[in-house]
Every structure is written in structure tokens, then in C-alpha cells.
Amino acid sequence: KVDLKSKLEGRGANISMSMDSFDLAIKKRAIPRALKLERQLTKEEVEQLRVEFEQAIDEKKFRPKDKPVTIRVKKEEVEKLKNLGI
């Protein structure tokens, strides 16, 4: 599980926020070593981590430095969508 906010308990592996770093960590088997696993990651686990890591990178790019995001919508726009059945 990728934890951007460092809230999860337990061991972790710190990886720079780039897919090249992730790929290198997988290639060198750094993640299981950092987590002190007595086995290697399965292909399914690697793919799941890859998806979560890509999403984390996208979120960081969208919200740099964990700044809150404010979305403003005009009431008229909401009414238009409501009238269209969306």
C-alpha cells in the first residue's frame, strides 16, 4: 500500500516519487528487503503497487505540498447539469 501521508503503521520503504525509482527498487528487490519480508513480491503485488504508486505521483503533481484543493462551481452550472439529468 502506498502511503502518501505516512499514517499507516508498520515498516515502510521510502522511494523517490518517480517511476524510474520504483522500477529500480523492484529490479533490485529493495522493497521486500526494506519491509523485511522473507519472500519476494508476487507479480500481482508488484502490479498493484505500480498502480498505487502511479496514482500517488499523479496526486502529488495535482496537489503539491499537500495544499487543500478548492473547487468552485456556480449555482447556475449545477442547475444546468440538474436539468440535463446529470
Protein backbone atom coordinates (compact mmCIF):
# COMPACT_ATOMS: atom_id res chain seq x y z
CA LYS A 1 0.00 0.00 0.00
CA VAL A 2 1.35 3.42 -0.94
CA ASP A 3 1.03 5.85 1.99
CA LEU A 4 1.49 9.50 0.98
CA LYS A 5 0.65 10.88 4.40
CA SER A 6 2.75 8.46 6.49
CA LYS A 7 -0.28 7.45 8.55
CA LEU A 8 -0.12 3.66 8.19
CA GLU A 9 1.54 1.67 10.94
CA GLY A 10 4.39 -0.73 10.38
CA ARG A 11 7.50 -0.85 8.23
CA GLY A 12 7.85 1.13 5.05
CA ALA A 13 10.10 1.59 2.04
CA ASN A 14 10.99 5.14 1.04
CA ILE A 15 11.15 5.58 -2.73
CA SER A 16 11.60 8.79 -4.71
CA MET A 17 8.44 9.87 -6.50
CA SER A 18 9.35 8.68 -9.99
CA MET A 19 8.52 5.54 -11.91
CA ASP A 20 12.23 5.08 -12.68
CA SER A 21 12.92 4.87 -8.93
CA PHE A 22 10.05 2.42 -8.48
CA ASP A 23 11.31 0.23 -11.34
CA LEU A 24 14.84 0.27 -9.93
CA ALA A 25 13.55 -0.66 -6.45
CA ILE A 26 11.65 -3.60 -7.97
CA LYS A 27 14.64 -4.68 -10.06
CA LYS A 28 16.99 -4.59 -7.06
CA ARG A 29 14.38 -6.21 -4.79
CA ALA A 30 14.70 -3.27 -2.41
CA ILE A 31 11.05 -3.23 -1.34
CA PRO A 32 10.93 -6.74 0.17
CA ARG A 33 14.30 -6.07 1.80
CA ALA A 34 13.12 -2.75 3.32
CA LEU A 35 9.95 -4.43 4.58
CA LYS A 36 12.00 -7.37 5.91
CA LEU A 37 9.87 -9.87 4.02
CA GLU A 38 11.13 -13.42 3.90
CA ARG A 39 9.88 -13.76 0.32
CA GLN A 40 9.80 -11.85 -2.94
CA LEU A 41 6.78 -9.87 -4.12
CA THR A 42 4.40 -11.67 -6.47
CA LYS A 43 3.69 -10.27 -9.92
CA GLU A 44 0.21 -9.31 -8.72
CA GLU A 45 1.64 -7.43 -5.72
CA VAL A 46 4.12 -5.59 -7.94
CA GLU A 47 1.36 -4.60 -10.38
CA GLN A 48 -0.89 -3.39 -7.55
CA LEU A 49 1.96 -1.35 -6.06
CA ARG A 50 2.75 0.06 -9.52
CA VAL A 51 -0.85 1.26 -9.96
CA GLU A 52 -0.93 2.79 -6.47
CA PHE A 53 2.49 4.40 -6.99
CA GLU A 54 1.41 5.97 -10.30
CA GLN A 55 -1.75 7.30 -8.64
CA ALA A 56 0.33 8.73 -5.79
CA ILE A 57 2.62 10.51 -8.25
CA ASP A 58 -0.40 11.97 -10.05
CA GLU A 59 -1.91 13.13 -6.74
CA LYS A 60 1.34 14.80 -5.68
CA LYS A 61 1.56 16.61 -9.02
CA PHE A 62 -2.05 17.75 -8.64
CA ARG A 63 -1.68 18.84 -5.01
CA PRO A 64 1.90 19.93 -4.38
CA LYS A 65 2.91 20.13 -0.73
CA ASP A 66 -0.48 18.71 0.34
CA LYS A 67 -2.22 22.02 -0.23
CA PRO A 68 -6.00 21.72 0.06
CA VAL A 69 -7.91 21.80 -3.18
CA THR A 70 -10.91 24.11 -3.50
CA ILE A 71 -13.38 23.53 -6.29
CA ARG A 72 -15.76 26.36 -7.03
CA VAL A 73 -18.91 25.75 -9.02
CA LYS A 74 -21.52 28.34 -9.90
CA LYS A 75 -25.06 27.56 -8.84
CA GLU A 76 -26.22 28.15 -12.41
CA GLU A 77 -23.87 25.44 -13.69
CA VAL A 78 -25.23 22.96 -11.16
CA GLU A 79 -28.78 23.82 -12.20
CA LYS A 80 -27.88 23.26 -15.88
CA LEU A 81 -26.48 19.81 -15.06
CA LYS A 82 -29.53 19.00 -12.96
CA ASN A 83 -31.85 19.99 -15.82
CA LEU A 84 -29.85 17.80 -18.21
CA GLY A 85 -30.27 14.87 -15.82
CA ILE A 86 -26.58 14.58 -14.96
